[in-house]
Amino acid sequence: MQKPSEAETQLQYLAQDLLDFDPENPRFGGLMKDRSQNEIQKTLIEEPYFASELVDSLLKNGFIDYEPLVVRRNRNRYTVIEGNRRLAAIREILHAPEKYQGKTADLHRIPALVFPAAPDHQQQREMSVYLAVRHLLGFRAWPPLSKAIYLDRQSAQLGGLSRVFEETQIRKREAKRLLVPYRLLKKAGTTPPDQDYWMLGEALERTGVKHFLDLEVDPNTLEIRGYKAKELTLLLDWLYGPKLRNGARDSAKRIVDDTRDLTRLSKVLGSEVAASKLRSGEDLESAELFVDTQGESAERLREVVRRAGAVIRKVVKGSRDPRALQLLRAFKEFETAVKVFQNQDL
């Protein structure tokens, strides 16, 4: 049984060496699960977390008391729920006193909002609301993948998504954009890409993509009811690049770079013929030829001719080589023929 003081949420000043990083923090996207505290410290200091950026501010201003860490009691230690980057910056300073000069006196004992090891419903709600305000609704917002992990965990607790919407005030449409891709990848046993995670969420908003995957989502719980596994593998290759042997993706070979490309991809996937071209390894532009209207194909031809003309004029400029002059004449004839053809009343 907890002592009365241990069952309450309290503001305390804690020695920094009693604090532990939280490997399960949504900010880490599951990447720290099997790492030691020292490994997490090193990772937080470096890219992409850049806790090192906080060092100068701490040395100049010290630790700001009105922005405490949020921790959960863990026997005689404390797990940091909110503030892992700040803790990493503090330890960076304290572990190299000869390197850092500044206001370090108040870094040994840090203000922390301490929640009990087993918070009651009200305390759990307070913690959820606090994290939601800071990281879901714009104040020091987490990246999309971290938000998705947090929402998924919160919705698994009593009250489900309805409670999450009430506590966080996040809109269902935004929650869907974050949760559905995460749950889809989790169901498929695929590691979510931290870089450009938002791209998958945007893709799943497109009708052609949803039909391609045969994606079925429960409208109330946002749980995945069904999807086509092989098609999901192809989609991830198109969005992020094919997988390499080390598990990373070759982003240079992806066919989608931005949201405009997603609209084009959705259109292609809405056609069996065009989609089959993508399946066979052709690029997005080649596949689009099979869904273009006559007018779109005509515009595409004009653009091809314009670009080809610019390149040819550049490479033959100043050349006296007969072959260069022949190439220029042949292109001009082709350019004229295209204009004549397109000016016809088709």
Protein backbone atom coordinates (compact mmCIF):
# COMPACT_ATOMS: atom_id res chain seq x y z
CA MET A 1 0.00 0.00 0.00
CA GLN A 2 1.34 3.42 -0.92
CA LYS A 3 2.01 6.03 1.70
CA PRO A 4 -0.44 8.98 1.43
CA SER A 5 2.32 11.26 0.16
CA GLU A 6 3.33 8.74 -2.52
CA ALA A 7 -0.23 8.44 -3.80
CA GLU A 8 -0.50 12.16 -4.51
CA THR A 9 0.82 14.21 -7.40
CA GLN A 10 3.51 16.50 -5.97
CA LEU A 11 6.01 19.08 -7.13
CA GLN A 12 9.42 18.01 -5.82
CA TYR A 13 13.06 18.86 -6.40
CA LEU A 14 14.83 15.64 -7.39
CA ALA A 15 18.49 14.76 -7.77
CA GLN A 16 19.17 14.30 -11.46
CA ASP A 17 20.87 10.95 -10.83
CA LEU A 18 17.56 9.54 -9.54
CA LEU A 19 15.91 10.14 -12.90
CA ASP A 20 15.65 7.64 -15.75
CA PHE A 21 14.83 8.22 -19.39
CA ASP A 22 11.61 6.63 -20.60
CA PRO A 23 12.43 4.21 -23.46
CA GLU A 24 8.70 3.95 -24.24
CA ASN A 25 8.25 7.70 -24.71
CA PRO A 26 6.17 8.28 -27.87
CA ARG A 27 8.73 10.89 -29.00
CA PHE A 28 11.18 8.05 -29.70
CA GLY A 29 8.86 6.12 -32.03
CA GLY A 30 9.81 2.78 -30.43
CA LEU A 31 13.51 3.17 -31.33
CA MET A 32 14.78 3.22 -27.71
CA LYS A 33 12.96 0.14 -26.46
CA ASP A 34 16.06 -2.05 -26.04
CA ARG A 35 18.66 0.65 -25.37
CA SER A 36 20.46 1.33 -22.10
CA GLN A 37 20.22 4.65 -20.28
CA ASN A 38 23.70 5.63 -21.50
CA GLU A 39 22.77 4.79 -25.08
CA ILE A 40 19.60 6.87 -24.83
CA GLN A 41 21.63 9.78 -23.42
CA LYS A 42 24.03 9.66 -26.36
CA THR A 43 21.21 9.35 -28.90
CA LEU A 44 19.24 12.28 -27.46
CA ILE A 45 22.21 14.62 -27.68
CA GLU A 46 22.66 13.89 -31.38
CA GLU A 47 20.46 14.08 -34.48
CA PRO A 48 17.45 13.94 -34.74
CA TYR A 49 16.68 14.91 -31.11
CA PHE A 50 19.38 17.58 -30.74
CA ALA A 51 19.21 17.92 -26.96
CA SER A 52 22.57 19.64 -27.36
CA GLU A 53 20.63 22.67 -28.61
CA LEU A 54 19.28 23.15 -25.06
CA VAL A 55 22.71 23.35 -23.44
CA ASP A 56 23.40 27.05 -24.09
CA SER A 57 20.00 28.09 -22.74
CA LEU A 58 20.47 26.05 -19.56
CA LEU A 59 23.93 27.52 -19.00
CA LYS A 60 22.61 31.04 -19.50
CA ASN A 61 19.26 30.82 -17.71
CA GLY A 62 19.53 27.77 -15.48
CA PHE A 63 16.55 25.43 -15.16
CA ILE A 64 13.22 27.26 -15.34
CA ASP A 65 11.25 26.25 -12.24
CA TYR A 66 7.82 26.92 -13.68
CA GLU A 67 8.42 24.31 -16.42
CA PRO A 68 9.13 21.17 -14.36
CA LEU A 69 9.79 17.71 -15.69
CA VAL A 70 6.88 15.28 -15.48
CA VAL A 71 7.92 11.98 -13.89
CA ARG A 72 6.37 8.77 -12.59
CA ARG A 73 7.61 7.20 -9.39
CA ASN A 74 9.33 3.86 -9.94
CA ARG A 75 10.17 2.49 -6.47
CA ASN A 76 13.07 4.65 -5.30
CA ARG A 77 13.66 6.16 -8.75
CA TYR A 78 11.66 8.25 -11.22
CA THR A 79 10.90 7.72 -14.92
CA VAL A 80 10.74 10.90 -17.00
CA ILE A 81 7.44 11.10 -18.89
CA GLU A 82 8.03 14.61 -20.20
CA GLY A 83 11.41 16.33 -20.42
CA ASN A 84 13.80 13.62 -21.63
CA ARG A 85 15.67 16.07 -23.90
CA ARG A 86 16.14 18.55 -21.05
CA LEU A 87 17.46 15.79 -18.79
CA ALA A 88 19.91 14.74 -21.51
CA ALA A 89 21.16 18.32 -21.87
CA ILE A 90 21.58 18.65 -18.09
CA ARG A 91 23.63 15.46 -17.92
CA GLU A 92 25.73 16.57 -20.87
CA ILE A 93 26.66 19.69 -18.87
CA LEU A 94 27.24 17.95 -15.54
CA HIS A 95 29.32 15.16 -17.01
CA ALA A 96 31.79 17.63 -18.56
CA PRO A 97 32.20 20.50 -16.04
CA GLU A 98 35.53 21.49 -17.59
CA LYS A 99 33.79 22.07 -20.92
CA TYR A 100 30.71 24.03 -19.82
CA GLN A 101 30.70 27.24 -17.80
CA GLY A 102 27.53 28.96 -16.65
CA LYS A 103 24.57 28.59 -14.26
CA THR A 104 24.99 24.96 -13.27
CA ALA A 105 24.22 25.16 -9.54
CA ASP A 106 20.49 24.49 -9.98
CA LEU A 107 21.00 21.57 -12.39
CA HIS A 108 21.79 19.03 -9.68
CA ARG A 109 18.26 19.09 -8.21
CA ILE A 110 15.51 19.52 -10.78
CA PRO A 111 11.88 20.53 -10.23
CA ALA A 112 9.57 17.70 -11.24
CA LEU A 113 5.85 17.04 -11.13
CA VAL A 114 5.81 13.57 -9.57
CA PHE A 115 2.98 11.17 -10.34
CA PRO A 116 2.63 7.93 -8.36
CA ALA A 117 3.75 4.59 -9.77
CA ALA A 118 0.10 3.59 -10.21
CA PRO A 119 -1.76 6.86 -10.91
CA ASP A 120 -5.51 6.82 -10.29
CA HIS A 121 -7.99 7.73 -13.03
CA GLN A 122 -7.94 11.45 -12.25
CA GLN A 123 -4.13 11.58 -12.16
CA GLN A 124 -3.91 9.62 -15.40
CA ARG A 125 -6.33 12.09 -16.97
CA GLU A 126 -4.29 15.07 -15.72
CA MET A 127 -1.13 13.57 -17.18
CA SER A 128 -2.85 12.88 -20.51
CA VAL A 129 -4.26 16.38 -20.76
CA TYR A 130 -0.89 17.91 -19.89
CA LEU A 131 0.93 15.93 -22.59
CA ALA A 132 -1.85 16.56 -25.10
CA VAL A 133 -1.73 20.33 -24.65
CA ARG A 134 2.04 20.38 -25.04
CA HIS A 135 2.55 17.84 -27.80
CA LEU A 136 -0.67 17.24 -29.72
CA LEU A 137 -2.14 20.71 -29.95
CA GLY A 138 0.86 22.68 -31.11
CA PHE A 139 2.95 23.73 -28.08
CA ARG A 140 6.27 21.98 -28.67
CA ALA A 141 4.43 19.48 -30.83
CA TRP A 142 5.75 15.99 -31.35
CA PRO A 143 6.33 14.79 -34.92
CA PRO A 144 3.39 12.90 -36.47
CA LEU A 145 4.68 9.40 -35.65
CA SER A 146 5.10 10.26 -31.96
CA LYS A 147 1.58 11.69 -31.87
CA ALA A 148 0.24 8.50 -33.44
CA ILE A 149 1.98 6.28 -30.87
CA TYR A 150 0.67 8.42 -28.02
CA LEU A 151 -2.91 8.38 -29.33
CA ASP A 152 -2.78 4.62 -29.89
CA ARG A 153 -1.66 4.00 -26.31
CA GLN A 154 -4.16 6.40 -24.83
CA SER A 155 -7.07 4.93 -26.78
CA ALA A 156 -6.24 1.47 -25.41
CA GLN A 157 -7.13 2.67 -21.90
CA LEU A 158 -10.53 2.89 -20.25
CA GLY A 159 -12.91 5.04 -22.28
CA GLY A 160 -11.13 4.45 -25.59
CA LEU A 161 -11.06 7.07 -28.31
CA SER A 162 -14.08 8.92 -26.95
CA ARG A 163 -12.14 9.73 -23.79
CA VAL A 164 -9.09 10.75 -25.85
CA PHE A 165 -11.16 13.17 -27.92
CA GLU A 166 -12.69 14.65 -24.79
CA GLU A 167 -9.40 15.07 -22.94
CA THR A 168 -7.20 16.24 -25.79
CA GLN A 169 -9.75 18.14 -27.89
CA ILE A 170 -8.07 16.68 -30.96
CA ARG A 171 -10.43 16.38 -33.91
CA LYS A 172 -11.40 12.95 -35.16
CA ARG A 173 -10.21 13.74 -38.69
CA GLU A 174 -6.74 14.62 -37.40
CA ALA A 175 -6.68 11.55 -35.13
CA LYS A 176 -7.64 9.39 -38.10
CA ARG A 177 -4.84 10.84 -40.22
CA LEU A 178 -2.36 9.93 -37.46
CA LEU A 179 -3.75 6.65 -36.12
CA VAL A 180 -4.86 4.77 -39.23
CA PRO A 181 -1.41 4.61 -40.91
CA TYR A 182 0.24 3.67 -37.60
CA ARG A 183 -2.27 0.90 -36.89
CA LEU A 184 -2.07 -0.32 -40.47
CA LEU A 185 1.72 -0.66 -40.26
CA LYS A 186 1.51 -2.22 -36.80
CA LYS A 187 -1.00 -4.79 -38.04
CA ALA A 188 1.29 -5.55 -40.98
CA GLY A 189 4.29 -5.94 -38.65
CA THR A 190 6.13 -3.15 -40.46
CA THR A 191 8.21 -0.51 -38.70
CA PRO A 192 6.68 2.94 -39.27
CA PRO A 193 9.06 5.32 -41.09
CA ASP A 194 9.91 8.25 -38.81
CA GLN A 195 11.02 10.36 -41.76
CA ASP A 196 8.02 11.61 -43.76
CA TYR A 197 5.59 9.48 -41.74
CA TRP A 198 2.92 12.04 -42.63
CA MET A 199 3.17 10.97 -46.28
CA LEU A 200 1.38 7.68 -45.60
CA GLY A 201 -1.39 9.43 -43.69
CA GLU A 202 -1.89 11.83 -46.59
CA ALA A 203 -1.88 8.94 -49.08
CA LEU A 204 -4.57 7.06 -47.18
CA GLU A 205 -6.83 10.11 -47.55
CA ARG A 206 -6.88 9.56 -51.33
CA THR A 207 -9.72 7.47 -52.73
CA GLY A 208 -7.58 5.68 -55.32
CA VAL A 209 -5.06 4.61 -52.68
CA LYS A 210 -7.75 3.32 -50.30
CA HIS A 211 -9.35 1.28 -53.10
CA PHE A 212 -5.96 -0.06 -54.16
CA LEU A 213 -5.33 -1.33 -50.62
CA ASP A 214 -8.96 -2.39 -50.16
CA LEU A 215 -8.55 -0.63 -46.82
CA GLU A 216 -11.38 -1.05 -44.30
CA VAL A 217 -11.35 0.98 -41.07
CA ASP A 218 -13.83 0.86 -38.20
CA PRO A 219 -15.37 4.37 -38.23
CA ASN A 220 -15.81 4.44 -34.43
CA THR A 221 -12.60 2.90 -33.08
CA LEU A 222 -10.36 3.61 -36.13
CA GLU A 223 -9.10 0.04 -35.88
CA ILE A 224 -8.02 -1.70 -39.11
CA ARG A 225 -10.56 -4.27 -40.28
CA GLY A 226 -8.85 -5.34 -43.48
CA TYR A 227 -6.30 -4.49 -46.19
CA LYS A 228 -4.24 -6.13 -48.96
CA ALA A 229 -0.77 -6.97 -47.67
CA LYS A 230 0.99 -7.19 -51.04
CA GLU A 231 -0.44 -3.85 -52.14
CA LEU A 232 0.67 -2.21 -48.89
CA THR A 233 4.23 -3.38 -49.54
CA LEU A 234 4.12 -1.81 -53.01
CA LEU A 235 2.65 1.42 -51.69
CA LEU A 236 5.41 1.78 -49.08
CA ASP A 237 8.02 1.22 -51.78
CA TRP A 238 6.45 3.98 -53.88
CA LEU A 239 6.19 6.39 -50.95
CA TYR A 240 9.54 5.73 -49.24
CA GLY A 241 11.64 3.68 -51.66
CA PRO A 242 12.30 -0.08 -51.71
CA LYS A 243 13.81 -1.74 -48.66
CA LEU A 244 17.54 -2.37 -48.56
CA ARG A 245 19.17 -5.37 -46.89
CA ASN A 246 19.84 -3.38 -43.71
CA GLY A 247 16.14 -2.54 -43.37
CA ALA A 248 16.53 1.09 -44.46
CA ARG A 249 14.76 2.40 -47.55
CA ASP A 250 16.32 3.67 -50.75
CA SER A 251 14.57 7.04 -50.89
CA ALA A 252 16.23 7.87 -54.22
CA LYS A 253 14.00 5.26 -55.87
CA ARG A 254 10.65 6.36 -54.47
CA ILE A 255 8.17 7.73 -57.01
CA VAL A 256 6.35 10.17 -54.70
CA ASP A 257 8.02 13.34 -53.43
CA ASP A 258 5.16 15.57 -52.26
CA THR A 259 1.39 15.85 -51.93
CA ARG A 260 0.98 16.77 -55.60
CA ASP A 261 2.48 13.41 -56.49
CA LEU A 262 0.01 11.73 -54.12
CA THR A 263 -2.89 13.12 -56.15
CA ARG A 264 -1.29 11.77 -59.31
CA LEU A 265 -0.64 8.40 -57.66
CA SER A 266 -4.25 8.14 -56.51
CA LYS A 267 -5.45 8.81 -60.04
CA VAL A 268 -3.17 6.12 -61.46
CA LEU A 269 -4.22 3.57 -58.85
CA GLY A 270 -7.84 4.20 -59.78
CA SER A 271 -7.14 2.55 -63.14
CA GLU A 272 -6.24 -1.15 -63.36
CA VAL A 273 -4.27 -0.61 -66.55
CA ALA A 274 -2.28 2.34 -65.18
CA ALA A 275 -1.72 0.62 -61.82
CA SER A 276 -0.36 -2.45 -63.62
CA LYS A 277 2.33 -0.23 -65.16
CA LEU A 278 3.46 0.85 -61.70
CA ARG A 279 3.46 -2.77 -60.55
CA SER A 280 5.74 -3.68 -63.43
CA GLY A 281 8.26 -1.04 -62.37
CA GLU A 282 7.42 1.93 -64.59
CA ASP A 283 7.57 5.42 -63.13
CA LEU A 284 4.59 7.57 -62.19
CA GLU A 285 4.77 9.75 -65.29
CA SER A 286 4.74 6.76 -67.62
CA ALA A 287 1.79 5.21 -65.79
CA GLU A 288 -0.14 8.48 -66.00
CA LEU A 289 -0.26 8.19 -69.80
CA PHE A 290 -2.86 5.46 -69.36
CA VAL A 291 -5.27 7.67 -67.42
CA ASP A 292 -4.69 11.01 -69.12
CA THR A 293 -7.53 12.62 -71.03
CA GLN A 294 -6.83 13.64 -74.62
CA GLY A 295 -6.30 17.22 -73.46
CA GLU A 296 -3.91 16.17 -70.68
CA SER A 297 -1.88 14.08 -73.10
CA ALA A 298 -1.73 17.03 -75.50
CA GLU A 299 -0.47 19.29 -72.73
CA ARG A 300 2.08 16.65 -71.71
CA LEU A 301 3.31 16.50 -75.32
CA ARG A 302 3.69 20.29 -75.45
CA GLU A 303 5.78 20.19 -72.28
CA VAL A 304 7.98 17.37 -73.61
CA VAL A 305 8.61 19.28 -76.82
CA ARG A 306 9.40 22.48 -74.91
CA ARG A 307 11.94 20.73 -72.68
CA ALA A 308 13.49 18.79 -75.55
CA GLY A 309 13.86 22.02 -77.52
CA ALA A 310 15.63 23.76 -74.67
CA VAL A 311 18.08 20.87 -74.27
CA ILE A 312 18.78 20.49 -78.00
CA ARG A 313 19.37 24.23 -78.52
CA LYS A 314 21.77 24.24 -75.60
CA VAL A 315 23.88 21.27 -76.79
CA VAL A 316 24.14 22.47 -80.41
CA LYS A 317 24.74 26.15 -79.60
CA GLY A 318 27.89 27.39 -81.35
CA SER A 319 28.56 24.00 -82.95
CA ARG A 320 29.56 23.77 -86.61
CA ASP A 321 29.28 20.01 -86.65
CA PRO A 322 26.94 19.04 -89.55
CA ARG A 323 25.34 16.43 -87.33
CA ALA A 324 24.41 19.12 -84.80
CA LEU A 325 22.80 21.25 -87.50
CA GLN A 326 20.96 18.19 -88.83
CA LEU A 327 19.65 17.44 -85.32
CA LEU A 328 18.41 21.04 -84.94
CA ARG A 329 16.67 20.96 -88.32
CA ALA A 330 15.04 17.60 -87.54
CA PHE A 331 13.79 18.89 -84.20
CA LYS A 332 12.34 22.06 -85.78
CA GLU A 333 10.48 19.91 -88.30
CA PHE A 334 9.18 17.72 -85.46
CA GLU A 335 8.20 20.81 -83.40
CA THR A 336 6.30 22.24 -86.39
CA ALA A 337 4.53 18.93 -87.02
CA VAL A 338 3.41 18.76 -83.39
CA LYS A 339 2.03 22.31 -83.52
CA VAL A 340 0.18 21.61 -86.77
CA PHE A 341 -1.28 18.41 -85.35
CA GLN A 342 -2.40 20.05 -82.09
CA ASN A 343 -3.95 23.00 -83.92
CA GLN A 344 -6.27 20.69 -85.78
CA ASP A 345 -9.86 20.36 -84.68
CA LEU A 346 -9.53 16.87 -83.22
